[in-house]
Each structure stands twice: as structure tokens, then as C-alpha cells.
Amino acid sequence: MHLLPRPQREPKLDIKSKQQQQIEQPRRKVIEQTTAVSDFQERIAIFIDGANLCCAVSHLNVEINYAKLLCYLTKKRRLLRAYFYTAIDSTDKKQQSFLLWMRHNGYRVVTKELIQHPDGSKKANLEVELAVDMLTLARYCDTLVLLSGEEELTYALEAVSYRGVQVEVVSLASMTSDSLFNVADSYTNLKDIKQDIQTERIR
């Protein structure tokens, strides 16, 4: 009597049905999309009109803590640039010291020398520089924050908003042009946030 050899069983292949694969594939896509959304961080650029801010804080009778101000405006978003525009007097040592501190603490300072006019007044307009920088940086950011109430900046700000960039305006309401209110996606009155951005006074 001859015994026939026992047939060898082939190892099971882990083959999933087409239906299972179709179910799992969209599930993987949903996970990938969720991860992409969670990795997104809003990019912002901040533009501060130094002369306008100086005038506003004198009305509020407060002293600005510029480290607090930068932190408040950024709000844990990804800061690309924070510009500070101001006229300068090269003979003012206190101002030079202040601007040096600003450069070392997160601000990019843009200056223009004061020009004396025939009537004796001194002035330096930086609206053109501010407008050009806003338009240049708009392509790289999701939100643009303008700290100014000047009507001359409305047209540039409107051009930024047409590019799909969110526009935030921060200023003193009583010193802000109506046209800026109309362009802004959101508005913050300096009066309402002065407790968050002022220097603590020692009693």
C-alpha cells in the first residue's frame, strides 16, 4: 500500500476586497487633510504709523509698552514683519536710543528726517513708504494689521483687501477716518485695549 503525500497548503494572502480598499482610501485622505489644516498657521504683517500712535496715546494719557503691543497684535499668529514708521531728529539722543531698542525687540524701523518748513514747523510724511511696504508684503501674508487712522492709507489698504488678505485696523476711534472703518474686516479701538498695552506705572 502506497501512501500519497499530503498536499501542502499555500500560505493565506492578506488580500482585501475592492470594497474594503475603497472604504479605507477616502479615510486616509481625510486624515491627511485634517493634518494639513492643523499645521496651518496664520501669517501676519504689522504696520505702525508712529506719528499717529504718538498722537493717540497723548489723548489717552498712557505710555505704550511696545513689547506688550507687539504681543497683543500678533495674538500667537506667525509674525512675518512688524514695521514702525517715524520721523526722526538726528539731534534727539533719547529718540535714537528708543529706536535702537525697537530694532532689537522685533520691530523693523523705517525713518525719515524731519524737514523744516518756511513757517517754522517740522514734518516728515511716511505714508508713501508705508503704503508701498503694505502692498509688497500683502502677497506673503494672510492678515495685515494697520495701526493708524490716516485717511491717506485707505486706497492702499483697499488694494490689499482685493488680494484676499484680511485687514485689521487698530487706532483711536476719534482720530480714525470713516473710509478706514469701511475697508477694515475688523477694527480695534486703542481706548478699549490700553490696559493690555500700556506700561505699568509704579505707585
C-alpha atoms as a PDB file:
ATOM      1  CA  MET A   1       0.000   0.000   0.000  1.00  0.00           C
ATOM      2  CA  HIS A   2       1.474   3.305  -1.108  1.00  0.00           C
ATOM      3  CA  LEU A   3       0.674   6.454   0.876  1.00  0.00           C
ATOM      4  CA  LEU A   4       0.151   9.539  -1.158  1.00  0.00           C
ATOM      5  CA  PRO A   5       1.963  12.661   0.065  1.00  0.00           C
ATOM      6  CA  ARG A   6      -0.276  15.143   1.969  1.00  0.00           C
ATOM      7  CA  PRO A   7      -0.934  18.223  -0.180  1.00  0.00           C
ATOM      8  CA  GLN A   8       0.849  21.351   1.053  1.00  0.00           C
ATOM      9  CA  ARG A   9      -1.365  24.298   1.944  1.00  0.00           C
ATOM     10  CA  GLU A  10      -0.353  27.609   0.480  1.00  0.00           C
ATOM     11  CA  PRO A  11       0.005  30.465   2.999  1.00  0.00           C
ATOM     12  CA  LYS A  12      -3.028  32.760   3.155  1.00  0.00           C
ATOM     13  CA  LEU A  13      -2.581  36.036   1.385  1.00  0.00           C
ATOM     14  CA  ASP A  14      -3.964  39.098   3.119  1.00  0.00           C
ATOM     15  CA  ILE A  15      -5.934  40.287   0.147  1.00  0.00           C
ATOM     16  CA  LYS A  16      -8.572  42.912   0.824  1.00  0.00           C
ATOM     17  CA  SER A  17     -11.616  43.186  -1.283  1.00  0.00           C
ATOM     18  CA  LYS A  18     -12.058  46.127  -3.602  1.00  0.00           C
ATOM     19  CA  GLN A  19     -14.880  47.335  -1.384  1.00  0.00           C
ATOM     20  CA  GLN A  20     -12.578  47.430   1.699  1.00  0.00           C
ATOM     21  CA  GLN A  21      -9.886  49.304  -0.229  1.00  0.00           C
ATOM     22  CA  GLN A  22     -12.409  51.863  -1.442  1.00  0.00           C
ATOM     23  CA  ILE A  23     -13.554  52.455   2.147  1.00  0.00           C
ATOM     24  CA  GLU A  24     -10.010  52.837   3.559  1.00  0.00           C
ATOM     25  CA  GLN A  25      -8.653  55.077   0.807  1.00  0.00           C
ATOM     26  CA  PRO A  26     -11.015  58.015   1.500  1.00  0.00           C
ATOM     27  CA  ARG A  27     -10.361  57.507   5.220  1.00  0.00           C
ATOM     28  CA  ARG A  28      -6.620  58.046   4.635  1.00  0.00           C
ATOM     29  CA  LYS A  29      -7.366  61.177   2.611  1.00  0.00           C
ATOM     30  CA  VAL A  30      -9.498  62.606   5.424  1.00  0.00           C
ATOM     31  CA  ILE A  31      -6.639  62.035   7.917  1.00  0.00           C
ATOM     32  CA  GLU A  32      -4.139  63.718   5.578  1.00  0.00           C
ATOM     33  CA  GLN A  33      -6.437  66.728   5.087  1.00  0.00           C
ATOM     34  CA  THR A  34      -7.024  67.079   8.837  1.00  0.00           C
ATOM     35  CA  THR A  35      -3.266  67.081   9.468  1.00  0.00           C
ATOM     36  CA  ALA A  36      -2.742  69.745   6.809  1.00  0.00           C
ATOM     37  CA  VAL A  37      -5.389  72.002   8.389  1.00  0.00           C
ATOM     38  CA  SER A  38      -3.934  71.593  11.893  1.00  0.00           C
ATOM     39  CA  ASP A  39      -0.459  72.535  10.595  1.00  0.00           C
ATOM     40  CA  PHE A  40      -1.749  75.844   9.138  1.00  0.00           C
ATOM     41  CA  GLN A  41      -0.640  78.964  10.994  1.00  0.00           C
ATOM     42  CA  GLU A  42      -1.983  82.379  10.046  1.00  0.00           C
ATOM     43  CA  ARG A  43       0.754  84.687   8.749  1.00  0.00           C
ATOM     44  CA  ILE A  44       0.504  88.353   9.655  1.00  0.00           C
ATOM     45  CA  ALA A  45       2.346  91.592   8.984  1.00  0.00           C
ATOM     46  CA  ILE A  46       2.029  94.648  11.241  1.00  0.00           C
ATOM     47  CA  PHE A  47       2.394  98.276  10.138  1.00  0.00           C
ATOM     48  CA  ILE A  48       2.519 101.019  12.771  1.00  0.00           C
ATOM     49  CA  ASP A  49       2.218 104.708  11.962  1.00  0.00           C
ATOM     50  CA  GLY A  50       4.408 106.116  14.739  1.00  0.00           C
ATOM     51  CA  ALA A  51       3.173 109.713  14.472  1.00  0.00           C
ATOM     52  CA  ASN A  52      -0.479 108.657  14.571  1.00  0.00           C
ATOM     53  CA  LEU A  53       0.116 106.338  17.515  1.00  0.00           C
ATOM     54  CA  CYS A  54       2.046 109.017  19.403  1.00  0.00           C
ATOM     55  CA  CYS A  55      -0.856 111.441  18.962  1.00  0.00           C
ATOM     56  CA  ALA A  56      -3.370 108.802  20.065  1.00  0.00           C
ATOM     57  CA  VAL A  57      -1.548 107.854  23.270  1.00  0.00           C
ATOM     58  CA  SER A  58      -1.195 111.508  24.226  1.00  0.00           C
ATOM     59  CA  HIS A  59      -5.003 111.756  24.069  1.00  0.00           C
ATOM     60  CA  LEU A  60      -5.315 108.599  26.173  1.00  0.00           C
ATOM     61  CA  ASN A  61      -2.633 109.813  28.604  1.00  0.00           C
ATOM     62  CA  VAL A  62      -0.826 106.447  28.634  1.00  0.00           C
ATOM     63  CA  GLU A  63       2.691 105.228  27.910  1.00  0.00           C
ATOM     64  CA  ILE A  64       2.892 102.343  25.468  1.00  0.00           C
ATOM     65  CA  ASN A  65       4.808  99.179  26.313  1.00  0.00           C
ATOM     66  CA  TYR A  66       5.941  98.201  22.809  1.00  0.00           C
ATOM     67  CA  ALA A  67       6.761  94.617  23.777  1.00  0.00           C
ATOM     68  CA  LYS A  68       3.182  94.192  25.049  1.00  0.00           C
ATOM     69  CA  LEU A  69       1.815  95.915  21.954  1.00  0.00           C
ATOM     70  CA  LEU A  70       3.619  93.542  19.599  1.00  0.00           C
ATOM     71  CA  CYS A  71       2.441  90.536  21.599  1.00  0.00           C
ATOM     72  CA  TYR A  72      -1.166  91.771  21.623  1.00  0.00           C
ATOM     73  CA  LEU A  73      -1.277  92.476  17.884  1.00  0.00           C
ATOM     74  CA  THR A  74       0.349  89.165  16.969  1.00  0.00           C
ATOM     75  CA  LYS A  75      -2.034  87.034  19.091  1.00  0.00           C
ATOM     76  CA  LYS A  76       0.029  83.815  18.760  1.00  0.00           C
ATOM     77  CA  ARG A  77      -0.020  84.031  14.960  1.00  0.00           C
ATOM     78  CA  ARG A  78       3.068  83.728  12.772  1.00  0.00           C
ATOM     79  CA  LEU A  79       4.602  87.200  12.532  1.00  0.00           C
ATOM     80  CA  LEU A  80       6.366  87.921   9.231  1.00  0.00           C
ATOM     81  CA  ARG A  81       7.277  91.578   9.877  1.00  0.00           C
ATOM     82  CA  ALA A  82       6.404  94.386  12.273  1.00  0.00           C
ATOM     83  CA  TYR A  83       7.174  97.806  10.777  1.00  0.00           C
ATOM     84  CA  PHE A  84       7.362 101.041  12.740  1.00  0.00           C
ATOM     85  CA  TYR A  85       7.366 104.290  10.730  1.00  0.00           C
ATOM     86  CA  THR A  86       8.535 107.529  12.293  1.00  0.00           C
ATOM     87  CA  ALA A  87      10.094 110.894  11.569  1.00  0.00           C
ATOM     88  CA  ILE A  88      13.452 111.462  13.259  1.00  0.00           C
ATOM     89  CA  ASP A  89      15.501 114.305  14.609  1.00  0.00           C
ATOM     90  CA  SER A  90      19.166 113.275  14.401  1.00  0.00           C
ATOM     91  CA  THR A  91      19.991 115.545  17.356  1.00  0.00           C
ATOM     92  CA  ASP A  92      17.488 113.788  19.643  1.00  0.00           C
ATOM     93  CA  LYS A  93      19.590 111.213  21.540  1.00  0.00           C
ATOM     94  CA  LYS A  94      16.611 109.910  23.526  1.00  0.00           C
ATOM     95  CA  GLN A  95      14.736 109.106  20.317  1.00  0.00           C
ATOM     96  CA  GLN A  96      17.785 107.361  18.832  1.00  0.00           C
ATOM     97  CA  SER A  97      18.049 105.191  21.939  1.00  0.00           C
ATOM     98  CA  PHE A  98      14.334 104.320  21.738  1.00  0.00           C
ATOM     99  CA  LEU A  99      14.563 103.333  18.062  1.00  0.00           C
ATOM    100  CA  LEU A 100      17.609 101.169  18.757  1.00  0.00           C
ATOM    101  CA  TRP A 101      15.597  99.335  21.411  1.00  0.00           C
ATOM    102  CA  MET A 102      12.758  98.870  18.893  1.00  0.00           C
ATOM    103  CA  ARG A 103      15.134  97.333  16.336  1.00  0.00           C
ATOM    104  CA  HIS A 104      16.434  94.899  18.937  1.00  0.00           C
ATOM    105  CA  ASN A 105      12.943  93.861  20.053  1.00  0.00           C
ATOM    106  CA  GLY A 106      11.123  92.679  16.961  1.00  0.00           C
ATOM    107  CA  TYR A 107      10.446  95.874  15.011  1.00  0.00           C
ATOM    108  CA  ARG A 108      11.762  96.923  11.630  1.00  0.00           C
ATOM    109  CA  VAL A 109      12.103 100.709  11.910  1.00  0.00           C
ATOM    110  CA  VAL A 110      11.578 102.933   8.861  1.00  0.00           C
ATOM    111  CA  THR A 111      12.612 106.557   9.360  1.00  0.00           C
ATOM    112  CA  LYS A 112      12.688 109.878   7.545  1.00  0.00           C
ATOM    113  CA  GLU A 113      14.465 113.033   8.631  1.00  0.00           C
ATOM    114  CA  LEU A 114      12.241 115.911   9.716  1.00  0.00           C
ATOM    115  CA  ILE A 115      12.057 118.752   7.195  1.00  0.00           C
ATOM    116  CA  GLN A 116      11.646 122.314   8.409  1.00  0.00           C
ATOM    117  CA  HIS A 117       9.040 124.325   6.502  1.00  0.00           C
ATOM    118  CA  PRO A 118       9.066 128.121   5.926  1.00  0.00           C
ATOM    119  CA  ASP A 119       6.500 128.599   8.688  1.00  0.00           C
ATOM    120  CA  GLY A 120       8.913 127.032  11.179  1.00  0.00           C
ATOM    121  CA  SER A 121       7.088 123.715  11.548  1.00  0.00           C
ATOM    122  CA  LYS A 122       8.869 120.373  11.093  1.00  0.00           C
ATOM    123  CA  LYS A 123       7.282 117.418   9.336  1.00  0.00           C
ATOM    124  CA  ALA A 124       8.105 114.166   7.557  1.00  0.00           C
ATOM    125  CA  ASN A 125       5.439 112.147   5.725  1.00  0.00           C
ATOM    126  CA  LEU A 126       5.915 108.387   5.555  1.00  0.00           C
ATOM    127  CA  GLU A 127       2.533 107.418   4.048  1.00  0.00           C
ATOM    128  CA  VAL A 128       4.156 106.503   0.702  1.00  0.00           C
ATOM    129  CA  GLU A 129       6.717 104.191   2.334  1.00  0.00           C
ATOM    130  CA  LEU A 130       4.020 102.592   4.469  1.00  0.00           C
ATOM    131  CA  ALA A 131       1.686 102.052   1.510  1.00  0.00           C
ATOM    132  CA  VAL A 132       4.408 100.540  -0.691  1.00  0.00           C
ATOM    133  CA  ASP A 133       5.509  98.137   2.058  1.00  0.00           C
ATOM    134  CA  MET A 134       1.912  97.014   2.683  1.00  0.00           C
ATOM    135  CA  LEU A 135       1.367  96.247  -0.995  1.00  0.00           C
ATOM    136  CA  THR A 136       4.712  94.439  -1.256  1.00  0.00           C
ATOM    137  CA  LEU A 137       4.173  92.202   1.784  1.00  0.00           C
ATOM    138  CA  ALA A 138       0.479  91.513   1.091  1.00  0.00           C
ATOM    139  CA  ARG A 139       1.360  88.611  -1.229  1.00  0.00           C
ATOM    140  CA  TYR A 140       3.087  86.763   1.632  1.00  0.00           C
ATOM    141  CA  CYS A 141       0.577  87.178   4.471  1.00  0.00           C
ATOM    142  CA  ASP A 142      -2.958  86.102   5.363  1.00  0.00           C
ATOM    143  CA  THR A 143      -3.725  89.091   7.594  1.00  0.00           C
ATOM    144  CA  LEU A 144      -2.437  92.649   7.613  1.00  0.00           C
ATOM    145  CA  VAL A 145      -2.646  94.790  10.767  1.00  0.00           C
ATOM    146  CA  LEU A 146      -2.522  98.564  10.381  1.00  0.00           C
ATOM    147  CA  LEU A 147      -2.138 100.780  13.415  1.00  0.00           C
ATOM    148  CA  SER A 148      -3.170 104.165  12.051  1.00  0.00           C
ATOM    149  CA  GLY A 149      -6.234 106.288  11.451  1.00  0.00           C
ATOM    150  CA  GLU A 150      -4.936 108.216   8.438  1.00  0.00           C
ATOM    151  CA  GLU A 151      -7.321 108.559   5.503  1.00  0.00           C
ATOM    152  CA  GLU A 152      -4.387 108.678   3.028  1.00  0.00           C
ATOM    153  CA  LEU A 153      -3.776 104.961   3.612  1.00  0.00           C
ATOM    154  CA  THR A 154      -7.297 103.886   2.614  1.00  0.00           C
ATOM    155  CA  TYR A 155      -6.598 103.298  -1.084  1.00  0.00           C
ATOM    156  CA  ALA A 156      -3.529 101.117  -0.402  1.00  0.00           C
ATOM    157  CA  LEU A 157      -5.435  99.176   2.260  1.00  0.00           C
ATOM    158  CA  GLU A 158      -8.304  98.597  -0.155  1.00  0.00           C
ATOM    159  CA  ALA A 159      -5.856  97.231  -2.750  1.00  0.00           C
ATOM    160  CA  VAL A 160      -4.534  94.811  -0.106  1.00  0.00           C
ATOM    161  CA  SER A 161      -8.049  93.588   0.708  1.00  0.00           C
ATOM    162  CA  TYR A 162      -8.743  92.951  -3.010  1.00  0.00           C
ATOM    163  CA  ARG A 163      -5.917  90.398  -2.921  1.00  0.00           C
ATOM    164  CA  GLY A 164      -7.860  88.332  -0.389  1.00  0.00           C
ATOM    165  CA  VAL A 165      -5.869  89.497   2.640  1.00  0.00           C
ATOM    166  CA  GLN A 166      -7.787  90.097   5.883  1.00  0.00           C
ATOM    167  CA  VAL A 167      -7.391  93.684   7.084  1.00  0.00           C
ATOM    168  CA  GLU A 168      -7.320  94.643  10.760  1.00  0.00           C
ATOM    169  CA  VAL A 169      -7.241  98.311  11.772  1.00  0.00           C
ATOM    170  CA  VAL A 170      -6.205  99.445  15.252  1.00  0.00           C
ATOM    171  CA  SER A 171      -6.470 103.128  16.199  1.00  0.00           C
ATOM    172  CA  LEU A 172      -8.179 105.670  18.383  1.00  0.00           C
ATOM    173  CA  ALA A 173     -11.760 105.862  17.095  1.00  0.00           C
ATOM    174  CA  SER A 174     -11.998 109.641  17.418  1.00  0.00           C
ATOM    175  CA  MET A 175      -8.899 110.022  15.222  1.00  0.00           C
ATOM    176  CA  THR A 176      -9.827 107.498  12.532  1.00  0.00           C
ATOM    177  CA  SER A 177     -11.120 108.210   9.039  1.00  0.00           C
ATOM    178  CA  ASP A 178     -14.534 106.770   8.154  1.00  0.00           C
ATOM    179  CA  SER A 179     -13.002 105.308   4.982  1.00  0.00           C
ATOM    180  CA  LEU A 180     -10.679 103.122   7.072  1.00  0.00           C
ATOM    181  CA  PHE A 181     -13.649 101.789   9.057  1.00  0.00           C
ATOM    182  CA  ASN A 182     -15.281 100.794   5.759  1.00  0.00           C
ATOM    183  CA  VAL A 183     -12.225  98.941   4.429  1.00  0.00           C
ATOM    184  CA  ALA A 184     -11.341  97.074   7.630  1.00  0.00           C
ATOM    185  CA  ASP A 185     -12.510  93.478   8.170  1.00  0.00           C
ATOM    186  CA  SER A 186     -12.104  94.070  11.892  1.00  0.00           C
ATOM    187  CA  TYR A 187     -11.499  97.167  13.992  1.00  0.00           C
ATOM    188  CA  THR A 188      -9.999  97.639  17.472  1.00  0.00           C
ATOM    189  CA  ASN A 189     -10.213 100.877  19.407  1.00  0.00           C
ATOM    190  CA  LEU A 190      -6.988 101.684  21.261  1.00  0.00           C
ATOM    191  CA  LYS A 191      -9.109 103.006  24.112  1.00  0.00           C
ATOM    192  CA  ASP A 192     -10.514  99.506  24.695  1.00  0.00           C
ATOM    193  CA  ILE A 193      -7.112  97.802  24.883  1.00  0.00           C
ATOM    194  CA  LYS A 194      -4.985 100.399  26.666  1.00  0.00           C
ATOM    195  CA  GLN A 195      -4.848  98.249  29.819  1.00  0.00           C
ATOM    196  CA  ASP A 196      -3.260  95.429  27.803  1.00  0.00           C
ATOM    197  CA  ILE A 197      -0.566  97.513  26.086  1.00  0.00           C
ATOM    198  CA  GLN A 198       0.408 100.257  28.499  1.00  0.00           C
ATOM    199  CA  THR A 199       3.459 100.461  30.735  1.00  0.00           C
ATOM    200  CA  GLU A 200       2.607  99.728  34.350  1.00  0.00           C
ATOM    201  CA  ARG A 201       3.062 102.809  36.490  1.00  0.00           C
ATOM    202  CA  ILE A 202       4.951 102.362  39.743  1.00  0.00           C
ATOM    203  CA  ARG A 203       2.939 103.747  42.636  1.00  0.00           C
END
